[in-house]
Amino acid sequence: MAYLRFHSQDISPYTGERYGIFVAVWHLIRDERVTDEEAAEYWSHREWFEANLPIPPFYAEGNPDKAVTWFKRNALTQEMKTRLGFYHTLAAKYGVGIAEQSAESLANIIYEDAYQVAVV
């Protein structure tokens, strides 16, 4: 199976890995670097993802294993790709580069659902 991870170049001091696209864009919102309209659109996309992409249970515990998540390439729906496009565009507008990393296999999977896996 093939996996994809979209990430910034900034390293999380917590996990030691690059921030994933959701966190990288969240930092723009949190730091109020975007317009009010962009923030409103962000919240619309975030609500959609929270309703349609399972949230791994370890996040509720503060991610004690310092896991990072990867999408299953073949499980990304067209709607997910379109909505991820918003994150890519917003990040680029504010100088946050988002890279795409791929892998054919991953070790140390601690969580899996229909769309993603989490690894340590």
C-alpha atoms as a PDB file:
ATOM      1  CA  MET A   1       0.000   0.000   0.000  1.00  0.00           C
ATOM      2  CA  ALA A   2       1.187   3.536  -0.716  1.00  0.00           C
ATOM      3  CA  TYR A   3       1.056   6.367   1.796  1.00  0.00           C
ATOM      4  CA  LEU A   4       1.262  10.162   1.565  1.00  0.00           C
ATOM      5  CA  ARG A   5       2.188  12.776   4.109  1.00  0.00           C
ATOM      6  CA  PHE A   6       1.889  16.499   3.497  1.00  0.00           C
ATOM      7  CA  HIS A   7       4.151  18.506   5.771  1.00  0.00           C
ATOM      8  CA  SER A   8       5.911  21.825   6.267  1.00  0.00           C
ATOM      9  CA  GLN A   9       9.649  22.187   6.713  1.00  0.00           C
ATOM     10  CA  ASP A  10       9.286  23.217  10.357  1.00  0.00           C
ATOM     11  CA  ILE A  11      10.115  20.575  12.943  1.00  0.00           C
ATOM     12  CA  SER A  12       7.791  19.959  15.864  1.00  0.00           C
ATOM     13  CA  PRO A  13       9.729  20.189  19.112  1.00  0.00           C
ATOM     14  CA  TYR A  14       7.338  17.581  20.510  1.00  0.00           C
ATOM     15  CA  THR A  15       7.521  14.812  17.888  1.00  0.00           C
ATOM     16  CA  GLY A  16      10.837  15.708  16.282  1.00  0.00           C
ATOM     17  CA  GLU A  17       9.086  15.355  12.904  1.00  0.00           C
ATOM     18  CA  ARG A  18       7.905  17.976  10.435  1.00  0.00           C
ATOM     19  CA  TYR A  19       4.531  19.519  11.160  1.00  0.00           C
ATOM     20  CA  GLY A  20       1.759  17.946   9.102  1.00  0.00           C
ATOM     21  CA  ILE A  21      -0.359  20.116   6.829  1.00  0.00           C
ATOM     22  CA  PHE A  22      -3.214  20.440   9.326  1.00  0.00           C
ATOM     23  CA  VAL A  23      -0.956  21.737  12.100  1.00  0.00           C
ATOM     24  CA  ALA A  24       1.094  23.943   9.768  1.00  0.00           C
ATOM     25  CA  VAL A  25      -2.047  25.719   8.561  1.00  0.00           C
ATOM     26  CA  TRP A  26      -3.499  25.807  12.071  1.00  0.00           C
ATOM     27  CA  HIS A  27      -0.452  27.829  13.115  1.00  0.00           C
ATOM     28  CA  LEU A  28      -1.409  30.484  10.537  1.00  0.00           C
ATOM     29  CA  ILE A  29      -4.913  30.658  12.006  1.00  0.00           C
ATOM     30  CA  ARG A  30      -3.705  30.597  15.608  1.00  0.00           C
ATOM     31  CA  ASP A  31      -1.195  33.363  14.943  1.00  0.00           C
ATOM     32  CA  GLU A  32      -3.854  35.474  13.151  1.00  0.00           C
ATOM     33  CA  ARG A  33      -1.760  35.756   9.987  1.00  0.00           C
ATOM     34  CA  VAL A  34      -4.740  35.261   7.661  1.00  0.00           C
ATOM     35  CA  THR A  35      -7.724  37.412   6.725  1.00  0.00           C
ATOM     36  CA  ASP A  36     -11.065  36.992   8.471  1.00  0.00           C
ATOM     37  CA  GLU A  37     -12.478  35.455   5.281  1.00  0.00           C
ATOM     38  CA  GLU A  38      -9.635  32.941   5.072  1.00  0.00           C
ATOM     39  CA  ALA A  39     -10.093  32.045   8.725  1.00  0.00           C
ATOM     40  CA  ALA A  40     -13.818  31.465   8.157  1.00  0.00           C
ATOM     41  CA  GLU A  41     -13.051  29.233   5.169  1.00  0.00           C
ATOM     42  CA  TYR A  42     -10.444  27.378   7.229  1.00  0.00           C
ATOM     43  CA  TRP A  43     -13.025  26.620   9.921  1.00  0.00           C
ATOM     44  CA  SER A  44     -15.454  25.349   7.287  1.00  0.00           C
ATOM     45  CA  HIS A  45     -12.837  22.939   5.912  1.00  0.00           C
ATOM     46  CA  ARG A  46     -11.710  21.899   9.388  1.00  0.00           C
ATOM     47  CA  GLU A  47     -15.281  21.084  10.408  1.00  0.00           C
ATOM     48  CA  TRP A  48     -15.661  18.979   7.267  1.00  0.00           C
ATOM     49  CA  PHE A  49     -12.461  17.039   7.987  1.00  0.00           C
ATOM     50  CA  GLU A  50     -13.448  16.518  11.621  1.00  0.00           C
ATOM     51  CA  ALA A  51     -16.760  15.054  10.429  1.00  0.00           C
ATOM     52  CA  ASN A  52     -15.298  12.938   7.614  1.00  0.00           C
ATOM     53  CA  LEU A  53     -11.782  11.918   8.657  1.00  0.00           C
ATOM     54  CA  PRO A  54     -11.519   9.942  11.899  1.00  0.00           C
ATOM     55  CA  ILE A  55      -9.488  11.626  14.612  1.00  0.00           C
ATOM     56  CA  PRO A  56      -7.041   9.069  16.025  1.00  0.00           C
ATOM     57  CA  PRO A  57      -7.847   8.489  19.705  1.00  0.00           C
ATOM     58  CA  PHE A  58      -4.307   9.156  20.877  1.00  0.00           C
ATOM     59  CA  TYR A  59      -4.785  12.876  20.127  1.00  0.00           C
ATOM     60  CA  ALA A  60      -7.319  13.071  22.974  1.00  0.00           C
ATOM     61  CA  GLU A  61      -4.537  11.809  25.248  1.00  0.00           C
ATOM     62  CA  GLY A  62      -2.047  14.447  24.029  1.00  0.00           C
ATOM     63  CA  ASN A  63      -0.344  12.078  21.570  1.00  0.00           C
ATOM     64  CA  PRO A  64       1.852  10.391  24.206  1.00  0.00           C
ATOM     65  CA  ASP A  65       3.654   8.224  21.635  1.00  0.00           C
ATOM     66  CA  LYS A  66       4.509  11.267  19.467  1.00  0.00           C
ATOM     67  CA  ALA A  67       2.921   9.678  16.410  1.00  0.00           C
ATOM     68  CA  VAL A  68       2.520  11.269  12.987  1.00  0.00           C
ATOM     69  CA  THR A  69      -0.220  10.437  10.516  1.00  0.00           C
ATOM     70  CA  TRP A  70      -0.032   9.477   6.860  1.00  0.00           C
ATOM     71  CA  PHE A  71      -2.865   9.279   4.351  1.00  0.00           C
ATOM     72  CA  LYS A  72      -3.505   6.051   2.509  1.00  0.00           C
ATOM     73  CA  ARG A  73      -2.983   7.197  -1.081  1.00  0.00           C
ATOM     74  CA  ASN A  74      -5.832   5.153  -2.555  1.00  0.00           C
ATOM     75  CA  ALA A  75      -8.254   6.187   0.179  1.00  0.00           C
ATOM     76  CA  LEU A  76      -8.075   9.927  -0.487  1.00  0.00           C
ATOM     77  CA  THR A  77     -11.434  10.912  -1.928  1.00  0.00           C
ATOM     78  CA  GLN A  78     -11.829  13.662  -4.497  1.00  0.00           C
ATOM     79  CA  GLU A  79     -13.528  15.789  -1.825  1.00  0.00           C
ATOM     80  CA  MET A  80     -10.549  15.326   0.499  1.00  0.00           C
ATOM     81  CA  LYS A  81      -8.125  16.274  -2.271  1.00  0.00           C
ATOM     82  CA  THR A  82     -10.147  19.390  -3.069  1.00  0.00           C
ATOM     83  CA  ARG A  83     -10.278  20.458   0.558  1.00  0.00           C
ATOM     84  CA  LEU A  84      -6.569  19.732   1.048  1.00  0.00           C
ATOM     85  CA  GLY A  85      -6.036  22.055  -1.910  1.00  0.00           C
ATOM     86  CA  PHE A  86      -7.343  24.903   0.238  1.00  0.00           C
ATOM     87  CA  TYR A  87      -4.726  24.109   2.884  1.00  0.00           C
ATOM     88  CA  HIS A  88      -1.969  23.991   0.263  1.00  0.00           C
ATOM     89  CA  THR A  89      -3.060  27.314  -1.241  1.00  0.00           C
ATOM     90  CA  LEU A  90      -3.374  29.093   2.097  1.00  0.00           C
ATOM     91  CA  ALA A  91      -0.007  27.829   3.268  1.00  0.00           C
ATOM     92  CA  ALA A  92       1.680  28.927   0.027  1.00  0.00           C
ATOM     93  CA  LYS A  93       0.093  32.372   0.210  1.00  0.00           C
ATOM     94  CA  TYR A  94       1.741  32.942   3.586  1.00  0.00           C
ATOM     95  CA  GLY A  95       5.101  31.438   2.720  1.00  0.00           C
ATOM     96  CA  VAL A  96       4.652  28.073   4.364  1.00  0.00           C
ATOM     97  CA  GLY A  97       5.928  25.452   1.966  1.00  0.00           C
ATOM     98  CA  ILE A  98       4.097  22.149   2.033  1.00  0.00           C
ATOM     99  CA  ALA A  99       5.952  19.127   0.707  1.00  0.00           C
ATOM    100  CA  GLU A 100       4.495  15.782  -0.286  1.00  0.00           C
ATOM    101  CA  GLN A 101       6.282  12.722   1.037  1.00  0.00           C
ATOM    102  CA  SER A 102       5.383   9.238  -0.135  1.00  0.00           C
ATOM    103  CA  ALA A 103       6.213   5.767   1.086  1.00  0.00           C
ATOM    104  CA  GLU A 104       5.319   2.310  -0.163  1.00  0.00           C
ATOM    105  CA  SER A 105       5.391   0.859   3.344  1.00  0.00           C
ATOM    106  CA  LEU A 106       5.622   2.157   6.888  1.00  0.00           C
ATOM    107  CA  ALA A 107       6.881   0.560  10.085  1.00  0.00           C
ATOM    108  CA  ASN A 108       5.642   0.987  13.639  1.00  0.00           C
ATOM    109  CA  ILE A 109       1.980   1.621  12.788  1.00  0.00           C
ATOM    110  CA  ILE A 110       0.068   2.254  16.004  1.00  0.00           C
ATOM    111  CA  TYR A 111      -3.274   3.298  14.496  1.00  0.00           C
ATOM    112  CA  GLU A 112      -5.147   2.629  11.278  1.00  0.00           C
ATOM    113  CA  ASP A 113      -8.534   3.535   9.842  1.00  0.00           C
ATOM    114  CA  ALA A 114      -9.970   3.574   6.319  1.00  0.00           C
ATOM    115  CA  TYR A 115      -8.083   6.747   5.335  1.00  0.00           C
ATOM    116  CA  GLN A 116      -4.891   6.982   7.353  1.00  0.00           C
ATOM    117  CA  VAL A 117      -2.314   5.383   9.574  1.00  0.00           C
ATOM    118  CA  ALA A 118      -0.263   6.748  12.449  1.00  0.00           C
ATOM    119  CA  VAL A 119       3.338   5.755  13.003  1.00  0.00           C
ATOM    120  CA  VAL A 120       5.978   6.269  15.656  1.00  0.00           C
END
